[in-house]
Amino acid sequence: MRISGVTLQDKKHILFALTDIYGIGRPMAAKILQELGIDPSVPTRELTEKEEQALREHIEKNMRVEGELRREIAMNIKRHRDIGSYRGVRHAKHLPVRGQRTKTNSRTVRGNVRKTAGSGRKSSNEKT
């Protein structure tokens, strides 16, 4: 089954399979299934054609997912960078944007950079 250009796995429960779509997490998937009256524990392959069509239409009409959402997020970041806001500057420098500390624990956003003095030290028997 394909929704918004993503192929959902057949063996997964539909609740968890929907989370493969960028922009849909577990709470949103549960809400969608409740609105459409689909049992969340049903595997994706056991959905009827009518349920599949209703699910596809609901997601494509009512939600921003995949490429459209990624584009919107990229444009928001670009806008912050262009106006020179604090958040934009932090994005440009590849530093945490939301107030996290940077002395330690900012590995994720900086790409796991390790610049400590001891990490580049050569052993005493190596030629300097």
N, C-alpha and C. Protein backbone atom coordinates (compact mmCIF):
# COMPACT_ATOMS: atom_id res chain seq x y z
N MET A 1 0.84 -1.18 0.00
CA MET A 1 0.00 0.00 0.00
C MET A 1 0.88 1.24 0.00
N ARG A 2 0.58 2.19 -0.89
CA ARG A 2 1.37 3.42 -0.99
C ARG A 2 0.51 4.62 -0.61
N ILE A 3 1.09 5.49 0.24
CA ILE A 3 0.44 6.75 0.59
C ILE A 3 1.51 7.84 0.49
N SER A 4 1.24 8.88 -0.24
CA SER A 4 2.14 10.03 -0.40
C SER A 4 3.54 9.61 -0.83
N GLY A 5 3.63 8.62 -1.69
CA GLY A 5 4.92 8.17 -2.20
C GLY A 5 5.69 7.25 -1.28
N VAL A 6 5.07 6.79 -0.19
CA VAL A 6 5.74 5.89 0.74
C VAL A 6 5.02 4.55 0.73
N THR A 7 5.78 3.49 0.59
CA THR A 7 5.20 2.15 0.64
C THR A 7 5.16 1.69 2.09
N LEU A 8 3.97 1.38 2.57
CA LEU A 8 3.82 0.92 3.95
C LEU A 8 4.08 -0.58 4.02
N GLN A 9 4.72 -1.01 5.11
CA GLN A 9 5.05 -2.43 5.27
C GLN A 9 3.79 -3.24 5.53
N ASP A 10 3.67 -4.39 4.86
CA ASP A 10 2.48 -5.21 4.94
C ASP A 10 2.29 -5.89 6.29
N LYS A 11 3.37 -6.30 6.93
CA LYS A 11 3.26 -7.09 8.15
C LYS A 11 3.01 -6.26 9.41
N LYS A 12 3.31 -4.96 9.35
CA LYS A 12 3.13 -4.10 10.53
C LYS A 12 1.66 -3.80 10.76
N HIS A 13 1.32 -3.54 12.03
CA HIS A 13 -0.02 -3.03 12.34
C HIS A 13 -0.12 -1.67 11.67
N ILE A 14 -1.32 -1.31 11.22
CA ILE A 14 -1.50 -0.08 10.47
C ILE A 14 -1.11 1.14 11.30
N LEU A 15 -1.29 1.08 12.62
CA LEU A 15 -0.92 2.19 13.51
C LEU A 15 0.57 2.50 13.39
N PHE A 16 1.40 1.47 13.37
CA PHE A 16 2.85 1.65 13.31
C PHE A 16 3.33 1.84 11.87
N ALA A 17 2.63 1.26 10.91
CA ALA A 17 3.02 1.42 9.51
C ALA A 17 2.85 2.86 9.06
N LEU A 18 1.83 3.55 9.57
CA LEU A 18 1.59 4.94 9.18
C LEU A 18 2.72 5.86 9.63
N THR A 19 3.45 5.47 10.68
CA THR A 19 4.54 6.31 11.18
C THR A 19 5.74 6.32 10.24
N ASP A 20 5.74 5.47 9.22
CA ASP A 20 6.79 5.50 8.19
C ASP A 20 6.68 6.75 7.32
N ILE A 21 5.52 7.39 7.34
CA ILE A 21 5.30 8.60 6.55
C ILE A 21 5.82 9.78 7.35
N TYR A 22 6.68 10.58 6.73
CA TYR A 22 7.25 11.75 7.40
C TYR A 22 6.14 12.73 7.74
N GLY A 23 6.02 13.09 9.01
CA GLY A 23 4.99 14.01 9.45
C GLY A 23 3.86 13.33 10.19
N ILE A 24 3.89 12.00 10.28
CA ILE A 24 2.87 11.27 11.03
C ILE A 24 3.56 10.45 12.11
N GLY A 25 3.23 10.77 13.36
CA GLY A 25 3.75 10.01 14.49
C GLY A 25 2.65 9.10 15.03
N ARG A 26 2.93 8.45 16.14
CA ARG A 26 1.93 7.53 16.69
C ARG A 26 0.65 8.22 17.13
N PRO A 27 0.70 9.37 17.82
CA PRO A 27 -0.55 10.01 18.22
C PRO A 27 -1.40 10.43 17.01
N MET A 28 -0.74 10.97 15.99
CA MET A 28 -1.48 11.41 14.80
C MET A 28 -2.05 10.20 14.06
N ALA A 29 -1.29 9.12 13.98
CA ALA A 29 -1.77 7.91 13.32
C ALA A 29 -3.01 7.37 14.05
N ALA A 30 -2.95 7.36 15.38
CA ALA A 30 -4.09 6.87 16.18
C ALA A 30 -5.32 7.75 15.95
N LYS A 31 -5.11 9.06 15.88
CA LYS A 31 -6.22 9.99 15.66
C LYS A 31 -6.86 9.76 14.29
N ILE A 32 -6.03 9.59 13.27
CA ILE A 32 -6.53 9.35 11.90
C ILE A 32 -7.36 8.08 11.86
N LEU A 33 -6.81 7.00 12.44
CA LEU A 33 -7.52 5.71 12.42
C LEU A 33 -8.83 5.79 13.20
N GLN A 34 -8.85 6.54 14.29
CA GLN A 34 -10.08 6.69 15.07
C GLN A 34 -11.13 7.45 14.27
N GLU A 35 -10.72 8.51 13.58
CA GLU A 35 -11.65 9.29 12.75
C GLU A 35 -12.25 8.45 11.64
N LEU A 36 -11.44 7.56 11.07
CA LEU A 36 -11.91 6.74 9.95
C LEU A 36 -12.56 5.44 10.41
N GLY A 37 -12.49 5.13 11.70
CA GLY A 37 -13.10 3.92 12.23
C GLY A 37 -12.36 2.65 11.83
N ILE A 38 -11.04 2.73 11.74
CA ILE A 38 -10.21 1.58 11.38
C ILE A 38 -9.54 1.06 12.64
N ASP A 39 -9.53 -0.25 12.83
CA ASP A 39 -8.89 -0.86 13.99
C ASP A 39 -7.38 -0.72 13.88
N PRO A 40 -6.70 -0.10 14.89
CA PRO A 40 -5.26 0.12 14.81
C PRO A 40 -4.42 -1.16 14.82
N SER A 41 -4.98 -2.25 15.32
CA SER A 41 -4.19 -3.49 15.43
C SER A 41 -4.25 -4.36 14.18
N VAL A 42 -4.95 -3.91 13.15
CA VAL A 42 -5.06 -4.68 11.91
C VAL A 42 -3.76 -4.53 11.11
N PRO A 43 -3.18 -5.62 10.63
CA PRO A 43 -2.01 -5.50 9.76
C PRO A 43 -2.37 -4.77 8.46
N THR A 44 -1.42 -4.10 7.89
CA THR A 44 -1.66 -3.29 6.69
C THR A 44 -2.24 -4.12 5.55
N ARG A 45 -1.76 -5.34 5.39
CA ARG A 45 -2.22 -6.17 4.25
C ARG A 45 -3.68 -6.59 4.37
N GLU A 46 -4.25 -6.52 5.59
CA GLU A 46 -5.64 -6.96 5.78
C GLU A 46 -6.65 -5.83 5.67
N LEU A 47 -6.21 -4.62 5.32
CA LEU A 47 -7.15 -3.52 5.12
C LEU A 47 -7.94 -3.76 3.84
N THR A 48 -9.21 -3.38 3.86
CA THR A 48 -10.02 -3.51 2.65
C THR A 48 -9.65 -2.38 1.69
N GLU A 49 -10.05 -2.55 0.44
CA GLU A 49 -9.76 -1.54 -0.58
C GLU A 49 -10.42 -0.21 -0.22
N LYS A 50 -11.61 -0.29 0.35
CA LYS A 50 -12.34 0.92 0.74
C LYS A 50 -11.60 1.66 1.87
N GLU A 51 -11.10 0.91 2.85
CA GLU A 51 -10.36 1.52 3.96
C GLU A 51 -9.06 2.15 3.47
N GLU A 52 -8.38 1.46 2.57
CA GLU A 52 -7.14 1.99 2.00
C GLU A 52 -7.40 3.32 1.30
N GLN A 53 -8.44 3.35 0.49
CA GLN A 53 -8.77 4.56 -0.26
C GLN A 53 -9.14 5.70 0.68
N ALA A 54 -9.92 5.41 1.72
CA ALA A 54 -10.33 6.44 2.69
C ALA A 54 -9.11 6.99 3.42
N LEU A 55 -8.20 6.11 3.80
CA LEU A 55 -6.97 6.51 4.49
C LEU A 55 -6.11 7.40 3.60
N ARG A 56 -5.93 6.98 2.36
CA ARG A 56 -5.12 7.74 1.40
C ARG A 56 -5.71 9.14 1.17
N GLU A 57 -7.02 9.21 0.96
CA GLU A 57 -7.67 10.49 0.71
C GLU A 57 -7.58 11.41 1.92
N HIS A 58 -7.81 10.85 3.11
CA HIS A 58 -7.77 11.65 4.34
C HIS A 58 -6.40 12.28 4.55
N ILE A 59 -5.35 11.49 4.37
CA ILE A 59 -3.99 11.99 4.59
C ILE A 59 -3.61 13.02 3.54
N GLU A 60 -3.92 12.75 2.28
CA GLU A 60 -3.52 13.66 1.21
C GLU A 60 -4.29 14.98 1.23
N LYS A 61 -5.56 14.95 1.68
CA LYS A 61 -6.36 16.17 1.69
C LYS A 61 -6.13 17.00 2.94
N ASN A 62 -5.99 16.37 4.11
CA ASN A 62 -6.01 17.09 5.37
C ASN A 62 -4.66 17.32 6.02
N MET A 63 -3.60 16.74 5.49
CA MET A 63 -2.31 16.84 6.18
C MET A 63 -1.19 17.22 5.22
N ARG A 64 -0.19 17.91 5.80
CA ARG A 64 1.05 18.15 5.06
C ARG A 64 2.02 17.07 5.48
N VAL A 65 2.45 16.25 4.54
CA VAL A 65 3.37 15.16 4.84
C VAL A 65 4.44 15.09 3.76
N GLU A 66 5.50 14.35 4.07
CA GLU A 66 6.60 14.09 3.15
C GLU A 66 7.18 15.35 2.52
N GLY A 67 7.25 15.45 1.22
CA GLY A 67 7.95 16.52 0.52
C GLY A 67 7.42 17.91 0.84
N GLU A 68 6.12 18.04 0.93
CA GLU A 68 5.50 19.34 1.22
C GLU A 68 5.91 19.83 2.62
N LEU A 69 5.91 18.93 3.59
CA LEU A 69 6.29 19.29 4.96
C LEU A 69 7.78 19.60 5.05
N ARG A 70 8.61 18.79 4.40
CA ARG A 70 10.06 19.05 4.40
C ARG A 70 10.37 20.40 3.76
N ARG A 71 9.68 20.72 2.68
CA ARG A 71 9.87 21.99 2.00
C ARG A 71 9.46 23.16 2.91
N GLU A 72 8.34 23.00 3.61
CA GLU A 72 7.87 24.05 4.52
C GLU A 72 8.89 24.29 5.65
N ILE A 73 9.43 23.23 6.23
CA ILE A 73 10.40 23.35 7.30
C ILE A 73 11.68 24.02 6.79
N ALA A 74 12.13 23.61 5.61
CA ALA A 74 13.33 24.22 5.02
C ALA A 74 13.11 25.72 4.75
N MET A 75 11.93 26.09 4.31
CA MET A 75 11.63 27.50 4.05
C MET A 75 11.59 28.29 5.36
N ASN A 76 11.07 27.70 6.43
CA ASN A 76 11.05 28.37 7.73
C ASN A 76 12.47 28.64 8.22
N ILE A 77 13.35 27.65 8.08
CA ILE A 77 14.74 27.81 8.49
C ILE A 77 15.42 28.87 7.64
N LYS A 78 15.16 28.85 6.33
CA LYS A 78 15.75 29.83 5.42
C LYS A 78 15.29 31.24 5.78
N ARG A 79 14.02 31.40 6.14
CA ARG A 79 13.49 32.70 6.53
C ARG A 79 14.21 33.22 7.77
N HIS A 80 14.41 32.36 8.77
CA HIS A 80 15.13 32.77 9.98
C HIS A 80 16.56 33.19 9.65
N ARG A 81 17.20 32.45 8.76
CA ARG A 81 18.58 32.79 8.38
C ARG A 81 18.62 34.13 7.65
N ASP A 82 17.66 34.35 6.74
CA ASP A 82 17.65 35.58 5.95
C ASP A 82 17.41 36.82 6.80
N ILE A 83 16.53 36.74 7.79
CA ILE A 83 16.26 37.93 8.61
C ILE A 83 17.30 38.12 9.69
N GLY A 84 18.18 37.14 9.86
CA GLY A 84 19.28 37.28 10.81
C GLY A 84 18.87 37.11 12.26
N SER A 85 17.81 36.36 12.50
CA SER A 85 17.37 36.14 13.88
C SER A 85 18.36 35.24 14.60
N TYR A 86 18.24 35.20 15.92
CA TYR A 86 19.11 34.36 16.74
C TYR A 86 19.01 32.91 16.28
N ARG A 87 17.78 32.44 16.07
CA ARG A 87 17.59 31.06 15.63
C ARG A 87 18.25 30.82 14.29
N GLY A 88 18.16 31.80 13.37
CA GLY A 88 18.77 31.66 12.07
C GLY A 88 20.28 31.58 12.15
N VAL A 89 20.87 32.39 13.03
CA VAL A 89 22.32 32.37 13.21
C VAL A 89 22.76 31.03 13.77
N ARG A 90 22.00 30.50 14.73
CA ARG A 90 22.33 29.19 15.32
C ARG A 90 22.24 28.08 14.27
N HIS A 91 21.21 28.15 13.41
CA HIS A 91 21.10 27.17 12.32
C HIS A 91 22.30 27.27 11.39
N ALA A 92 22.68 28.49 11.05
CA ALA A 92 23.79 28.70 10.11
C ALA A 92 25.10 28.16 10.67
N LYS A 93 25.29 28.28 11.98
CA LYS A 93 26.53 27.82 12.61
C LYS A 93 26.48 26.35 13.01
N HIS A 94 25.38 25.68 12.74
CA HIS A 94 25.19 24.27 13.10
C HIS A 94 25.35 24.05 14.59
N LEU A 95 24.65 24.89 15.36
CA LEU A 95 24.64 24.78 16.82
C LEU A 95 23.21 24.55 17.28
N PRO A 96 23.01 24.08 18.53
CA PRO A 96 21.65 23.89 19.02
C PRO A 96 20.86 25.19 18.99
N VAL A 97 19.60 25.11 18.59
CA VAL A 97 18.78 26.29 18.37
C VAL A 97 17.90 26.61 19.57
N ARG A 98 17.51 25.61 20.33
CA ARG A 98 16.47 25.80 21.34
C ARG A 98 16.99 25.90 22.77
N GLY A 99 18.14 26.53 22.95
CA GLY A 99 18.61 26.84 24.29
C GLY A 99 19.38 25.74 24.99
N GLN A 100 19.73 24.66 24.29
CA GLN A 100 20.49 23.61 24.95
C GLN A 100 21.91 24.08 25.23
N ARG A 101 22.55 23.44 26.20
CA ARG A 101 23.92 23.80 26.52
C ARG A 101 24.86 23.29 25.44
N THR A 102 26.01 23.97 25.28
CA THR A 102 26.94 23.56 24.24
C THR A 102 28.30 23.14 24.80
N LYS A 103 28.53 23.39 26.10
CA LYS A 103 29.82 22.97 26.65
C LYS A 103 29.95 21.45 26.55
N THR A 104 28.86 20.77 26.82
CA THR A 104 28.80 19.32 26.63
C THR A 104 27.45 19.00 25.99
N ASN A 105 27.30 17.82 25.52
CA ASN A 105 26.02 17.27 25.07
C ASN A 105 25.40 17.93 23.84
N SER A 106 26.17 18.54 22.97
CA SER A 106 25.56 19.06 21.74
C SER A 106 26.09 18.29 20.54
N ARG A 107 26.30 17.01 20.73
CA ARG A 107 26.88 16.17 19.67
C ARG A 107 25.94 16.01 18.48
N THR A 108 24.65 15.88 18.73
CA THR A 108 23.72 15.55 17.66
C THR A 108 23.72 16.61 16.57
N VAL A 109 23.48 17.85 16.95
CA VAL A 109 23.34 18.89 15.94
C VAL A 109 24.69 19.22 15.30
N ARG A 110 25.78 19.04 16.03
CA ARG A 110 27.09 19.37 15.47
C ARG A 110 27.69 18.21 14.69
N GLY A 111 27.01 17.11 14.61
CA GLY A 111 27.50 15.99 13.82
C GLY A 111 28.55 15.17 14.53
N ASN A 112 28.43 15.00 15.85
CA ASN A 112 29.32 14.15 16.65
C ASN A 112 30.78 14.60 16.56
N VAL A 113 31.00 15.91 16.57
CA VAL A 113 32.34 16.47 16.50
C VAL A 113 33.01 16.33 17.85
N ARG A 114 34.22 15.80 17.88
CA ARG A 114 34.97 15.69 19.13
C ARG A 114 36.26 16.47 18.98
N LYS A 115 36.36 17.57 19.71
CA LYS A 115 37.53 18.45 19.58
C LYS A 115 38.24 18.61 20.92
N THR A 116 38.30 17.55 21.72
CA THR A 116 38.98 17.65 23.00
C THR A 116 40.47 17.46 22.81
N ALA A 117 41.25 17.95 23.76
CA ALA A 117 42.70 17.93 23.63
C ALA A 117 43.25 16.51 23.65
N GLY A 118 42.66 15.64 24.43
CA GLY A 118 43.21 14.30 24.58
C GLY A 118 42.93 13.36 23.43
N SER A 119 41.93 13.66 22.63
CA SER A 119 41.54 12.70 21.60
C SER A 119 42.54 12.63 20.46
N GLY A 120 43.31 13.70 20.23
CA GLY A 120 44.25 13.69 19.12
C GLY A 120 45.68 13.41 19.54
N ARG A 121 45.85 13.04 20.79
CA ARG A 121 47.19 12.84 21.33
C ARG A 121 47.82 11.57 20.75
N LYS A 122 49.08 11.65 20.41
CA LYS A 122 49.79 10.50 19.88
C LYS A 122 50.45 9.73 21.03
N SER A 123 50.60 8.45 20.86
CA SER A 123 51.25 7.67 21.92
C SER A 123 52.75 8.03 21.96
N SER A 124 53.38 7.78 23.09
CA SER A 124 54.76 8.22 23.31
C SER A 124 55.75 7.51 22.39
N ASN A 125 55.43 6.31 21.88
CA ASN A 125 56.38 5.60 21.03
C ASN A 125 56.26 6.00 19.56
N GLU A 126 55.26 6.81 19.19
CA GLU A 126 55.13 7.28 17.81
C GLU A 126 56.09 8.45 17.57
N LYS A 127 56.50 8.57 16.34
CA LYS A 127 57.37 9.67 15.95
C LYS A 127 56.54 10.95 15.86
N THR A 128 57.06 12.05 16.39
CA THR A 128 56.30 13.30 16.36
C THR A 128 56.66 14.16 15.18
